[in-house]
Amino acid sequence: MKEYPSIEAGLYEVQGRRETMEDTHVMFEDLKAVLDAVPDHTAFFGVYDGHGGVDAAKLCRDYLHRKIVEAPEFRLGRIEDAIRVGFRETDELIVMKSNENQWMNGSTGVILLLMERRLYVANVGDSEASLVELNDNGEMDYTILTKIHRASDPKEKMRIESLGGHVFFNRVFGSLAVSRSFGDSRFKVPKTSQNFVSCEPSIGQFELTTRSRYLVIACDGLWDVMSHYEVAKFVQNRHLEGRGATQIATDLVEEALKKKTEDNVTVLVVILNWDHEETSTGSIEEKIPDAQPHDDVLDSSSVMEESKA
């Protein structure tokens, strides 16, 4: 049996009830086909959810994966450091372009970098990712791979206020709900004395096993109306019915629309295929109560770095 999975990725996106479409994405099942300076069997996926416009999200789409791979840390195998550099340099580019062009928009973002069976996950804002896998009982459950950054979070509020900023109405200066993002230059140097809105990502590192079956990354247009448990169960059921990754992503988006999501919706599904798969007839086991779905990032390898920014 090979030591890493083959992958099938699929994506679907809709404008939904919003007046404009501000989501963008990248989907590279073989990143080496785009960037030579990566090892074989490397994949990269990203979902970028713009707000106030799409300019920041488009720049994330075009530059973030390149900035990560081009960082010297990437060549040295310090992948998490390279991700931090990539996020910072992409944000600096967006802030510069925003100030030049008088843009006021920003973007959340979530990325998956898969190198054979080693998975790196990073996010800013409220776009999220989830892993669906078999547990020790042979049943399916899920792990939330990301950390939501909102100004209403006590730690985020404390960080902002420690820099001299203010949070009221659960928003940065009463305006922005997310506390970390790309762009949003009006809350960052040089327009302000400090970067009250941070681009520092939360990063997780995971070792996939033959029990790992699906990855789902999406903007909050999905997660606002479906829990991680509901998404995991939905993906499993649709795959058992014979649907591929693209159709599953499409079905998830349509389900979010049925549930009256008010946002743009972008969903990316990755099916992990192993040579000799264990099988499961069990159902999804809910591991996190729906009432508190985002308190902590769960990590199958206990490798999660909480941002210090």
C-alpha atoms as a PDB file:
ATOM      1  CA  MET A   1       0.000   0.000   0.000  1.00  0.00           C
ATOM      2  CA  LYS A   2       1.323   3.450  -0.836  1.00  0.00           C
ATOM      3  CA  GLU A   3       2.070   5.762   2.072  1.00  0.00           C
ATOM      4  CA  TYR A   4      -0.064   8.697   0.940  1.00  0.00           C
ATOM      5  CA  PRO A   5      -3.525   9.070  -0.559  1.00  0.00           C
ATOM      6  CA  SER A   6      -4.503   9.951  -4.078  1.00  0.00           C
ATOM      7  CA  ILE A   7      -6.978  12.781  -4.080  1.00  0.00           C
ATOM      8  CA  GLU A   8     -10.087  13.846  -5.896  1.00  0.00           C
ATOM      9  CA  ALA A   9     -11.022  17.491  -5.406  1.00  0.00           C
ATOM     10  CA  GLY A  10     -14.167  19.314  -6.428  1.00  0.00           C
ATOM     11  CA  LEU A  11     -15.562  22.798  -5.921  1.00  0.00           C
ATOM     12  CA  TYR A  12     -18.794  24.692  -6.362  1.00  0.00           C
ATOM     13  CA  GLU A  13     -19.602  28.331  -5.654  1.00  0.00           C
ATOM     14  CA  VAL A  14     -22.616  30.608  -5.953  1.00  0.00           C
ATOM     15  CA  GLN A  15     -23.320  34.268  -5.392  1.00  0.00           C
ATOM     16  CA  GLY A  16     -26.415  33.423  -3.373  1.00  0.00           C
ATOM     17  CA  ARG A  17     -28.490  36.266  -1.971  1.00  0.00           C
ATOM     18  CA  ARG A  18     -25.664  38.806  -2.026  1.00  0.00           C
ATOM     19  CA  GLU A  19     -25.629  41.586  -4.610  1.00  0.00           C
ATOM     20  CA  THR A  20     -22.070  40.697  -5.660  1.00  0.00           C
ATOM     21  CA  MET A  21     -19.818  37.635  -5.654  1.00  0.00           C
ATOM     22  CA  GLU A  22     -16.788  38.290  -3.431  1.00  0.00           C
ATOM     23  CA  ASP A  23     -15.441  34.743  -2.931  1.00  0.00           C
ATOM     24  CA  THR A  24     -12.425  33.393  -4.800  1.00  0.00           C
ATOM     25  CA  HIS A  25     -10.528  30.116  -4.576  1.00  0.00           C
ATOM     26  CA  VAL A  26      -7.591  28.048  -5.798  1.00  0.00           C
ATOM     27  CA  MET A  27      -7.564  24.289  -6.334  1.00  0.00           C
ATOM     28  CA  PHE A  28      -4.243  22.669  -7.231  1.00  0.00           C
ATOM     29  CA  GLU A  29      -4.320  18.899  -6.927  1.00  0.00           C
ATOM     30  CA  ASP A  30      -0.743  18.979  -8.255  1.00  0.00           C
ATOM     31  CA  LEU A  31       0.939  22.203  -7.134  1.00  0.00           C
ATOM     32  CA  LYS A  32       4.131  21.236  -8.962  1.00  0.00           C
ATOM     33  CA  ALA A  33       2.334  21.810 -12.256  1.00  0.00           C
ATOM     34  CA  VAL A  34       2.096  25.475 -11.258  1.00  0.00           C
ATOM     35  CA  LEU A  35       5.247  25.998  -9.192  1.00  0.00           C
ATOM     36  CA  ASP A  36       8.381  23.963  -9.858  1.00  0.00           C
ATOM     37  CA  ALA A  37       9.925  24.571  -6.432  1.00  0.00           C
ATOM     38  CA  VAL A  38       7.681  22.115  -4.596  1.00  0.00           C
ATOM     39  CA  PRO A  39       8.115  18.404  -3.909  1.00  0.00           C
ATOM     40  CA  ASP A  40       6.157  15.818  -5.849  1.00  0.00           C
ATOM     41  CA  HIS A  41       2.724  14.877  -4.485  1.00  0.00           C
ATOM     42  CA  THR A  42       1.982  18.347  -3.131  1.00  0.00           C
ATOM     43  CA  ALA A  43      -1.528  19.819  -3.297  1.00  0.00           C
ATOM     44  CA  PHE A  44      -2.798  23.251  -2.336  1.00  0.00           C
ATOM     45  CA  PHE A  45      -6.361  24.431  -1.797  1.00  0.00           C
ATOM     46  CA  GLY A  46      -7.638  27.829  -0.706  1.00  0.00           C
ATOM     47  CA  VAL A  47     -10.955  29.583  -0.178  1.00  0.00           C
ATOM     48  CA  TYR A  48     -10.917  33.370   0.165  1.00  0.00           C
ATOM     49  CA  ASP A  49     -14.047  35.208   1.302  1.00  0.00           C
ATOM     50  CA  GLY A  50     -13.950  38.900   0.474  1.00  0.00           C
ATOM     51  CA  HIS A  51     -15.920  41.604   2.259  1.00  0.00           C
ATOM     52  CA  GLY A  52     -16.529  45.144   1.055  1.00  0.00           C
ATOM     53  CA  GLY A  53     -15.271  44.143  -2.387  1.00  0.00           C
ATOM     54  CA  VAL A  54     -13.372  41.359  -4.119  1.00  0.00           C
ATOM     55  CA  ASP A  55      -9.936  42.971  -4.675  1.00  0.00           C
ATOM     56  CA  ALA A  56      -8.271  41.512  -1.567  1.00  0.00           C
ATOM     57  CA  ALA A  57      -9.690  38.041  -2.249  1.00  0.00           C
ATOM     58  CA  LYS A  58      -8.408  38.126  -5.838  1.00  0.00           C
ATOM     59  CA  LEU A  59      -4.899  39.020  -4.680  1.00  0.00           C
ATOM     60  CA  CYS A  60      -5.003  36.138  -2.182  1.00  0.00           C
ATOM     61  CA  ARG A  61      -6.018  33.842  -5.026  1.00  0.00           C
ATOM     62  CA  ASP A  62      -3.162  35.016  -7.234  1.00  0.00           C
ATOM     63  CA  TYR A  63      -0.325  35.373  -4.726  1.00  0.00           C
ATOM     64  CA  LEU A  64      -0.687  33.494  -1.449  1.00  0.00           C
ATOM     65  CA  HIS A  65       0.414  30.039  -2.623  1.00  0.00           C
ATOM     66  CA  ARG A  66       3.342  31.619  -4.488  1.00  0.00           C
ATOM     67  CA  LYS A  67       4.450  33.661  -1.482  1.00  0.00           C
ATOM     68  CA  ILE A  68       4.445  30.550   0.701  1.00  0.00           C
ATOM     69  CA  VAL A  69       6.470  28.436  -1.719  1.00  0.00           C
ATOM     70  CA  GLU A  70       8.900  31.256  -2.522  1.00  0.00           C
ATOM     71  CA  ALA A  71       9.702  31.883   1.134  1.00  0.00           C
ATOM     72  CA  PRO A  72      13.240  30.693   2.049  1.00  0.00           C
ATOM     73  CA  GLU A  73      11.716  28.831   4.972  1.00  0.00           C
ATOM     74  CA  PHE A  74       9.827  26.569   2.571  1.00  0.00           C
ATOM     75  CA  ARG A  75      13.049  25.325   0.962  1.00  0.00           C
ATOM     76  CA  LEU A  76      14.429  24.628   4.431  1.00  0.00           C
ATOM     77  CA  GLY A  77      11.439  22.477   5.297  1.00  0.00           C
ATOM     78  CA  ARG A  78      10.095  24.975   7.837  1.00  0.00           C
ATOM     79  CA  ILE A  79       6.645  24.875   6.347  1.00  0.00           C
ATOM     80  CA  GLU A  80       4.729  26.568   9.153  1.00  0.00           C
ATOM     81  CA  ASP A  81       7.185  29.479   9.121  1.00  0.00           C
ATOM     82  CA  ALA A  82       6.819  29.679   5.336  1.00  0.00           C
ATOM     83  CA  ILE A  83       3.044  29.864   5.723  1.00  0.00           C
ATOM     84  CA  ARG A  84       3.402  32.763   8.163  1.00  0.00           C
ATOM     85  CA  VAL A  85       5.728  34.561   5.756  1.00  0.00           C
ATOM     86  CA  GLY A  86       3.330  33.961   2.879  1.00  0.00           C
ATOM     87  CA  PHE A  87       0.377  35.328   4.812  1.00  0.00           C
ATOM     88  CA  ARG A  88       2.336  38.388   5.948  1.00  0.00           C
ATOM     89  CA  GLU A  89       3.789  39.220   2.532  1.00  0.00           C
ATOM     90  CA  THR A  90       0.449  38.715   0.796  1.00  0.00           C
ATOM     91  CA  ASP A  91      -1.207  40.996   3.311  1.00  0.00           C
ATOM     92  CA  GLU A  92       1.504  43.642   2.877  1.00  0.00           C
ATOM     93  CA  LEU A  93       0.917  43.546  -0.877  1.00  0.00           C
ATOM     94  CA  ILE A  94      -2.837  43.904  -0.434  1.00  0.00           C
ATOM     95  CA  VAL A  95      -2.479  46.790   2.021  1.00  0.00           C
ATOM     96  CA  MET A  96      -0.097  48.573  -0.345  1.00  0.00           C
ATOM     97  CA  LYS A  97      -2.453  48.101  -3.312  1.00  0.00           C
ATOM     98  CA  SER A  98      -5.410  49.163  -1.165  1.00  0.00           C
ATOM     99  CA  ASN A  99      -3.756  52.415  -0.196  1.00  0.00           C
ATOM    100  CA  GLU A 100      -2.708  53.099  -3.781  1.00  0.00           C
ATOM    101  CA  ASN A 101      -6.169  52.438  -5.187  1.00  0.00           C
ATOM    102  CA  GLN A 102      -8.296  53.609  -2.248  1.00  0.00           C
ATOM    103  CA  TRP A 103      -9.706  50.131  -1.648  1.00  0.00           C
ATOM    104  CA  MET A 104     -11.422  49.519   1.678  1.00  0.00           C
ATOM    105  CA  ASN A 105     -12.057  45.791   1.338  1.00  0.00           C
ATOM    106  CA  GLY A 106     -10.562  42.719   2.939  1.00  0.00           C
ATOM    107  CA  SER A 107     -10.762  38.938   2.863  1.00  0.00           C
ATOM    108  CA  THR A 108     -10.769  36.000   5.211  1.00  0.00           C
ATOM    109  CA  GLY A 109      -8.911  32.903   4.062  1.00  0.00           C
ATOM    110  CA  VAL A 110      -8.375  29.206   4.725  1.00  0.00           C
ATOM    111  CA  ILE A 111      -5.755  27.048   3.032  1.00  0.00           C
ATOM    112  CA  LEU A 112      -4.816  23.373   2.961  1.00  0.00           C
ATOM    113  CA  LEU A 113      -1.285  22.379   1.976  1.00  0.00           C
ATOM    114  CA  LEU A 114      -1.023  18.600   1.553  1.00  0.00           C
ATOM    115  CA  MET A 115       2.458  17.102   1.147  1.00  0.00           C
ATOM    116  CA  GLU A 116       1.975  13.343   0.689  1.00  0.00           C
ATOM    117  CA  ARG A 117       0.261  12.544   4.007  1.00  0.00           C
ATOM    118  CA  ARG A 118       1.362  15.630   5.951  1.00  0.00           C
ATOM    119  CA  LEU A 119      -1.390  18.250   6.068  1.00  0.00           C
ATOM    120  CA  TYR A 120      -0.900  21.901   6.963  1.00  0.00           C
ATOM    121  CA  VAL A 121      -3.960  24.062   7.603  1.00  0.00           C
ATOM    122  CA  ALA A 122      -3.969  27.821   8.121  1.00  0.00           C
ATOM    123  CA  ASN A 123      -6.696  30.425   8.368  1.00  0.00           C
ATOM    124  CA  VAL A 124      -7.560  33.994   9.230  1.00  0.00           C
ATOM    125  CA  GLY A 125     -11.105  35.097   9.910  1.00  0.00           C
ATOM    126  CA  ASP A 126     -14.133  32.826   9.784  1.00  0.00           C
ATOM    127  CA  SER A 127     -13.555  30.564   6.790  1.00  0.00           C
ATOM    128  CA  GLU A 128     -13.139  27.012   8.071  1.00  0.00           C
ATOM    129  CA  ALA A 129     -11.916  23.499   7.322  1.00  0.00           C
ATOM    130  CA  SER A 130     -12.912  20.079   8.596  1.00  0.00           C
ATOM    131  CA  LEU A 131     -11.465  16.548   8.402  1.00  0.00           C
ATOM    132  CA  VAL A 132     -13.770  13.514   8.321  1.00  0.00           C
ATOM    133  CA  GLU A 133     -12.235  10.188   9.320  1.00  0.00           C
ATOM    134  CA  LEU A 134     -12.815   6.824  10.956  1.00  0.00           C
ATOM    135  CA  ASN A 135     -12.472   6.683  14.736  1.00  0.00           C
ATOM    136  CA  ASP A 136     -11.209   3.816  16.900  1.00  0.00           C
ATOM    137  CA  ASN A 137     -14.664   2.217  16.840  1.00  0.00           C
ATOM    138  CA  GLY A 138     -14.754   2.091  13.056  1.00  0.00           C
ATOM    139  CA  GLU A 139     -17.321   4.883  12.913  1.00  0.00           C
ATOM    140  CA  MET A 140     -16.999   8.227  11.155  1.00  0.00           C
ATOM    141  CA  ASP A 141     -16.392  11.451  13.038  1.00  0.00           C
ATOM    142  CA  TYR A 142     -14.800  14.803  12.343  1.00  0.00           C
ATOM    143  CA  THR A 143     -12.135  17.239  13.482  1.00  0.00           C
ATOM    144  CA  ILE A 144     -12.358  21.008  13.107  1.00  0.00           C
ATOM    145  CA  LEU A 145      -9.017  22.081  11.644  1.00  0.00           C
ATOM    146  CA  THR A 146      -9.338  25.854  11.971  1.00  0.00           C
ATOM    147  CA  LYS A 147      -9.794  28.598  14.550  1.00  0.00           C
ATOM    148  CA  ILE A 148     -12.355  31.357  14.060  1.00  0.00           C
ATOM    149  CA  HIS A 149     -11.061  34.899  14.606  1.00  0.00           C
ATOM    150  CA  ARG A 150     -13.820  37.311  15.560  1.00  0.00           C
ATOM    151  CA  ALA A 151     -13.673  40.506  17.574  1.00  0.00           C
ATOM    152  CA  SER A 152     -16.276  39.029  19.927  1.00  0.00           C
ATOM    153  CA  ASP A 153     -13.760  36.400  21.088  1.00  0.00           C
ATOM    154  CA  PRO A 154     -12.327  37.453  24.486  1.00  0.00           C
ATOM    155  CA  LYS A 155      -8.733  36.692  23.474  1.00  0.00           C
ATOM    156  CA  GLU A 156      -9.067  38.625  20.235  1.00  0.00           C
ATOM    157  CA  LYS A 157     -10.697  41.533  22.040  1.00  0.00           C
ATOM    158  CA  MET A 158      -7.865  41.560  24.579  1.00  0.00           C
ATOM    159  CA  ARG A 159      -5.258  41.562  21.792  1.00  0.00           C
ATOM    160  CA  ILE A 160      -6.908  44.485  20.033  1.00  0.00           C
ATOM    161  CA  GLU A 161      -7.348  46.498  23.215  1.00  0.00           C
ATOM    162  CA  SER A 162      -3.762  45.818  24.308  1.00  0.00           C
ATOM    163  CA  LEU A 163      -2.670  47.634  21.142  1.00  0.00           C
ATOM    164  CA  GLY A 164      -4.830  50.627  21.994  1.00  0.00           C
ATOM    165  CA  GLY A 165      -7.776  49.640  19.834  1.00  0.00           C
ATOM    166  CA  HIS A 166     -11.427  49.244  20.771  1.00  0.00           C
ATOM    167  CA  VAL A 167     -14.108  46.618  20.299  1.00  0.00           C
ATOM    168  CA  PHE A 168     -17.755  47.567  20.628  1.00  0.00           C
ATOM    169  CA  PHE A 169     -20.888  45.927  19.257  1.00  0.00           C
ATOM    170  CA  ASN A 170     -18.543  42.879  18.975  1.00  0.00           C
ATOM    171  CA  ARG A 171     -16.734  44.549  16.089  1.00  0.00           C
ATOM    172  CA  VAL A 172     -13.330  46.167  15.623  1.00  0.00           C
ATOM    173  CA  PHE A 173     -14.027  49.860  16.249  1.00  0.00           C
ATOM    174  CA  GLY A 174     -17.698  48.954  15.854  1.00  0.00           C
ATOM    175  CA  SER A 175     -17.189  48.097  12.186  1.00  0.00           C
ATOM    176  CA  LEU A 176     -15.472  44.796  11.313  1.00  0.00           C
ATOM    177  CA  ALA A 177     -16.711  41.501  12.767  1.00  0.00           C
ATOM    178  CA  VAL A 178     -13.583  39.455  11.997  1.00  0.00           C
ATOM    179  CA  SER A 179     -10.433  40.307  13.930  1.00  0.00           C
ATOM    180  CA  ARG A 180      -7.944  38.803  11.476  1.00  0.00           C
ATOM    181  CA  SER A 181      -7.984  39.144   7.715  1.00  0.00           C
ATOM    182  CA  PHE A 182      -6.106  40.088   4.591  1.00  0.00           C
ATOM    183  CA  GLY A 183      -6.407  43.744   3.644  1.00  0.00           C
ATOM    184  CA  ASP A 184      -8.814  45.949   5.629  1.00  0.00           C
ATOM    185  CA  SER A 185      -6.124  48.618   5.389  1.00  0.00           C
ATOM    186  CA  ARG A 186      -8.047  51.186   7.441  1.00  0.00           C
ATOM    187  CA  PHE A 187      -7.275  49.089  10.532  1.00  0.00           C
ATOM    188  CA  LYS A 188      -3.586  48.576   9.717  1.00  0.00           C
ATOM    189  CA  VAL A 189      -0.295  50.436   9.507  1.00  0.00           C
ATOM    190  CA  PRO A 190       0.294  52.991   8.008  1.00  0.00           C
ATOM    191  CA  LYS A 191      -3.270  54.287   8.338  1.00  0.00           C
ATOM    192  CA  THR A 192      -3.265  53.328  12.026  1.00  0.00           C
ATOM    193  CA  SER A 193      -0.541  53.154  14.646  1.00  0.00           C
ATOM    194  CA  GLN A 194      -0.922  49.376  15.021  1.00  0.00           C
ATOM    195  CA  ASN A 195      -2.274  46.441  13.050  1.00  0.00           C
ATOM    196  CA  PHE A 196      -5.487  46.182  15.030  1.00  0.00           C
ATOM    197  CA  VAL A 197      -6.698  43.613  12.490  1.00  0.00           C
ATOM    198  CA  SER A 198      -4.026  40.917  12.213  1.00  0.00           C
ATOM    199  CA  CYS A 199      -3.000  38.743   9.287  1.00  0.00           C
ATOM    200  CA  GLU A 200      -1.293  36.215  11.585  1.00  0.00           C
ATOM    201  CA  PRO A 201      -2.866  32.822  10.850  1.00  0.00           C
ATOM    202  CA  SER A 202      -3.768  30.003  13.162  1.00  0.00           C
ATOM    203  CA  ILE A 203      -1.825  26.988  11.883  1.00  0.00           C
ATOM    204  CA  GLY A 204      -2.392  23.278  12.382  1.00  0.00           C
ATOM    205  CA  GLN A 205      -0.250  20.342  11.298  1.00  0.00           C
ATOM    206  CA  PHE A 206      -1.747  16.893  10.895  1.00  0.00           C
ATOM    207  CA  GLU A 207      -0.604  13.427   9.839  1.00  0.00           C
ATOM    208  CA  LEU A 208      -3.218  11.752   7.663  1.00  0.00           C
ATOM    209  CA  THR A 209      -3.808   8.031   8.078  1.00  0.00           C
ATOM    210  CA  THR A 210      -5.771   5.436   6.154  1.00  0.00           C
ATOM    211  CA  ARG A 211      -8.705   6.435   8.362  1.00  0.00           C
ATOM    212  CA  SER A 212      -8.711   9.956   6.895  1.00  0.00           C
ATOM    213  CA  ARG A 213     -11.456  10.130   4.249  1.00  0.00           C
ATOM    214  CA  TYR A 214     -12.582  13.674   3.400  1.00  0.00           C
ATOM    215  CA  LEU A 215     -11.517  17.286   3.742  1.00  0.00           C
ATOM    216  CA  VAL A 216     -14.016  20.134   3.472  1.00  0.00           C
ATOM    217  CA  ILE A 217     -13.077  23.811   3.307  1.00  0.00           C
ATOM    218  CA  ALA A 218     -15.624  26.560   2.886  1.00  0.00           C
ATOM    219  CA  CYS A 219     -16.484  30.178   3.573  1.00  0.00           C
ATOM    220  CA  ASP A 220     -18.873  31.080   6.347  1.00  0.00           C
ATOM    221  CA  GLY A 221     -21.764  31.014   3.892  1.00  0.00           C
ATOM    222  CA  LEU A 222     -21.785  27.250   4.539  1.00  0.00           C
ATOM    223  CA  TRP A 223     -20.784  27.143   8.210  1.00  0.00           C
ATOM    224  CA  ASP A 224     -23.368  29.771   9.193  1.00  0.00           C
ATOM    225  CA  VAL A 225     -26.171  27.321   8.396  1.00  0.00           C
ATOM    226  CA  MET A 226     -24.559  23.867   8.799  1.00  0.00           C
ATOM    227  CA  SER A 227     -22.519  22.495  11.683  1.00  0.00           C
ATOM    228  CA  HIS A 228     -19.358  20.478  11.125  1.00  0.00           C
ATOM    229  CA  TYR A 229     -21.295  17.414  12.205  1.00  0.00           C
ATOM    230  CA  GLU A 230     -23.994  18.039   9.611  1.00  0.00           C
ATOM    231  CA  VAL A 231     -21.416  18.649   6.894  1.00  0.00           C
ATOM    232  CA  ALA A 232     -19.462  15.492   7.757  1.00  0.00           C
ATOM    233  CA  LYS A 233     -22.590  13.341   7.722  1.00  0.00           C
ATOM    234  CA  PHE A 234     -23.757  14.934   4.476  1.00  0.00           C
ATOM    235  CA  VAL A 235     -20.435  14.286   2.721  1.00  0.00           C
ATOM    236  CA  GLN A 236     -20.264  10.689   3.892  1.00  0.00           C
ATOM    237  CA  ASN A 237     -23.811   9.938   2.780  1.00  0.00           C
ATOM    238  CA  ARG A 238     -23.371  11.534  -0.630  1.00  0.00           C
ATOM    239  CA  HIS A 239     -20.115   9.649  -1.251  1.00  0.00           C
ATOM    240  CA  LEU A 240     -21.723   6.349  -0.264  1.00  0.00           C
ATOM    241  CA  GLU A 241     -24.400   7.140  -2.843  1.00  0.00           C
ATOM    242  CA  GLY A 242     -21.687   7.260  -5.507  1.00  0.00           C
ATOM    243  CA  ARG A 243     -21.201  11.006  -5.922  1.00  0.00           C
ATOM    244  CA  GLY A 244     -17.783  12.455  -6.678  1.00  0.00           C
ATOM    245  CA  ALA A 245     -16.116  15.471  -5.078  1.00  0.00           C
ATOM    246  CA  THR A 246     -17.576  18.077  -7.435  1.00  0.00           C
ATOM    247  CA  GLN A 247     -21.124  16.777  -7.062  1.00  0.00           C
ATOM    248  CA  ILE A 248     -20.763  16.591  -3.272  1.00  0.00           C
ATOM    249  CA  ALA A 249     -19.550  20.200  -3.188  1.00  0.00           C
ATOM    250  CA  THR A 250     -22.480  21.199  -5.394  1.00  0.00           C
ATOM    251  CA  ASP A 251     -24.944  19.386  -3.157  1.00  0.00           C
ATOM    252  CA  LEU A 252     -23.507  21.095  -0.068  1.00  0.00           C
ATOM    253  CA  VAL A 253     -23.889  24.540  -1.635  1.00  0.00           C
ATOM    254  CA  GLU A 254     -27.462  23.773  -2.662  1.00  0.00           C
ATOM    255  CA  GLU A 255     -28.205  22.545   0.858  1.00  0.00           C
ATOM    256  CA  ALA A 256     -26.834  25.802   2.306  1.00  0.00           C
ATOM    257  CA  LEU A 257     -29.102  27.748  -0.042  1.00  0.00           C
ATOM    258  CA  LYS A 258     -32.085  25.674   1.062  1.00  0.00           C
ATOM    259  CA  LYS A 259     -31.198  26.555   4.646  1.00  0.00           C
ATOM    260  CA  LYS A 260     -31.421  30.250   3.704  1.00  0.00           C
ATOM    261  CA  THR A 261     -27.772  31.244   3.942  1.00  0.00           C
ATOM    262  CA  GLU A 262     -27.456  35.001   3.402  1.00  0.00           C
ATOM    263  CA  ASP A 263     -23.902  34.959   2.041  1.00  0.00           C
ATOM    264  CA  ASN A 264     -21.893  33.905  -0.981  1.00  0.00           C
ATOM    265  CA  VAL A 265     -21.168  30.181  -0.713  1.00  0.00           C
ATOM    266  CA  THR A 266     -17.946  28.460  -1.792  1.00  0.00           C
ATOM    267  CA  VAL A 267     -17.323  24.809  -0.861  1.00  0.00           C
ATOM    268  CA  LEU A 268     -14.299  22.680  -1.743  1.00  0.00           C
ATOM    269  CA  VAL A 269     -14.349  18.923  -1.054  1.00  0.00           C
ATOM    270  CA  VAL A 270     -11.328  16.613  -1.155  1.00  0.00           C
ATOM    271  CA  ILE A 271     -11.820  12.844  -1.209  1.00  0.00           C
ATOM    272  CA  LEU A 272      -8.804  10.933   0.126  1.00  0.00           C
ATOM    273  CA  ASN A 273      -8.327   7.569  -1.581  1.00  0.00           C
ATOM    274  CA  TRP A 274      -6.005   4.935  -0.126  1.00  0.00           C
ATOM    275  CA  ASP A 275      -4.961   1.727  -1.884  1.00  0.00           C
ATOM    276  CA  HIS A 276      -6.457  -0.513   0.782  1.00  0.00           C
ATOM    277  CA  GLU A 277      -9.192   1.349   2.593  1.00  0.00           C
ATOM    278  CA  GLU A 278     -10.774   0.283   5.822  1.00  0.00           C
ATOM    279  CA  THR A 279     -14.539   0.255   5.476  1.00  0.00           C
ATOM    280  CA  SER A 280     -17.187   1.567   7.821  1.00  0.00           C
ATOM    281  CA  THR A 281     -20.873   0.920   8.121  1.00  0.00           C
ATOM    282  CA  GLY A 282     -21.151   3.140  11.170  1.00  0.00           C
ATOM    283  CA  SER A 283     -22.647   6.598  11.238  1.00  0.00           C
ATOM    284  CA  ILE A 284     -21.015   9.935  11.912  1.00  0.00           C
ATOM    285  CA  GLU A 285     -20.256  10.357  15.598  1.00  0.00           C
ATOM    286  CA  GLU A 286     -20.623  13.920  16.807  1.00  0.00           C
ATOM    287  CA  LYS A 287     -17.545  14.924  18.765  1.00  0.00           C
ATOM    288  CA  ILE A 288     -18.254  18.621  19.488  1.00  0.00           C
ATOM    289  CA  PRO A 289     -21.605  19.997  20.678  1.00  0.00           C
ATOM    290  CA  ASP A 290     -23.226  22.259  18.088  1.00  0.00           C
ATOM    291  CA  ALA A 291     -23.699  24.969  20.723  1.00  0.00           C
ATOM    292  CA  GLN A 292     -19.929  25.377  21.053  1.00  0.00           C
ATOM    293  CA  PRO A 293     -18.500  24.374  17.668  1.00  0.00           C
ATOM    294  CA  HIS A 294     -15.516  26.720  17.531  1.00  0.00           C
ATOM    295  CA  ASP A 295     -14.033  26.966  21.026  1.00  0.00           C
ATOM    296  CA  ASP A 296     -10.874  25.023  20.252  1.00  0.00           C
ATOM    297  CA  VAL A 297      -9.058  23.659  17.256  1.00  0.00           C
ATOM    298  CA  LEU A 298      -8.888  19.891  17.507  1.00  0.00           C
ATOM    299  CA  ASP A 299      -5.792  18.180  16.183  1.00  0.00           C
ATOM    300  CA  SER A 300      -5.263  14.461  15.701  1.00  0.00           C
ATOM    301  CA  SER A 301      -1.502  14.884  16.170  1.00  0.00           C
ATOM    302  CA  SER A 302      -1.766  17.488  18.953  1.00  0.00           C
ATOM    303  CA  VAL A 303       0.196  19.946  16.868  1.00  0.00           C
ATOM    304  CA  MET A 304      -1.631  23.244  16.921  1.00  0.00           C
ATOM    305  CA  GLU A 305       0.023  26.610  17.174  1.00  0.00           C
ATOM    306  CA  GLU A 306      -2.050  29.444  18.566  1.00  0.00           C
ATOM    307  CA  SER A 307      -1.081  32.760  17.027  1.00  0.00           C
ATOM    308  CA  LYS A 308       0.759  35.226  19.210  1.00  0.00           C
ATOM    309  CA  ALA A 309      -0.128  38.236  17.087  1.00  0.00           C
END
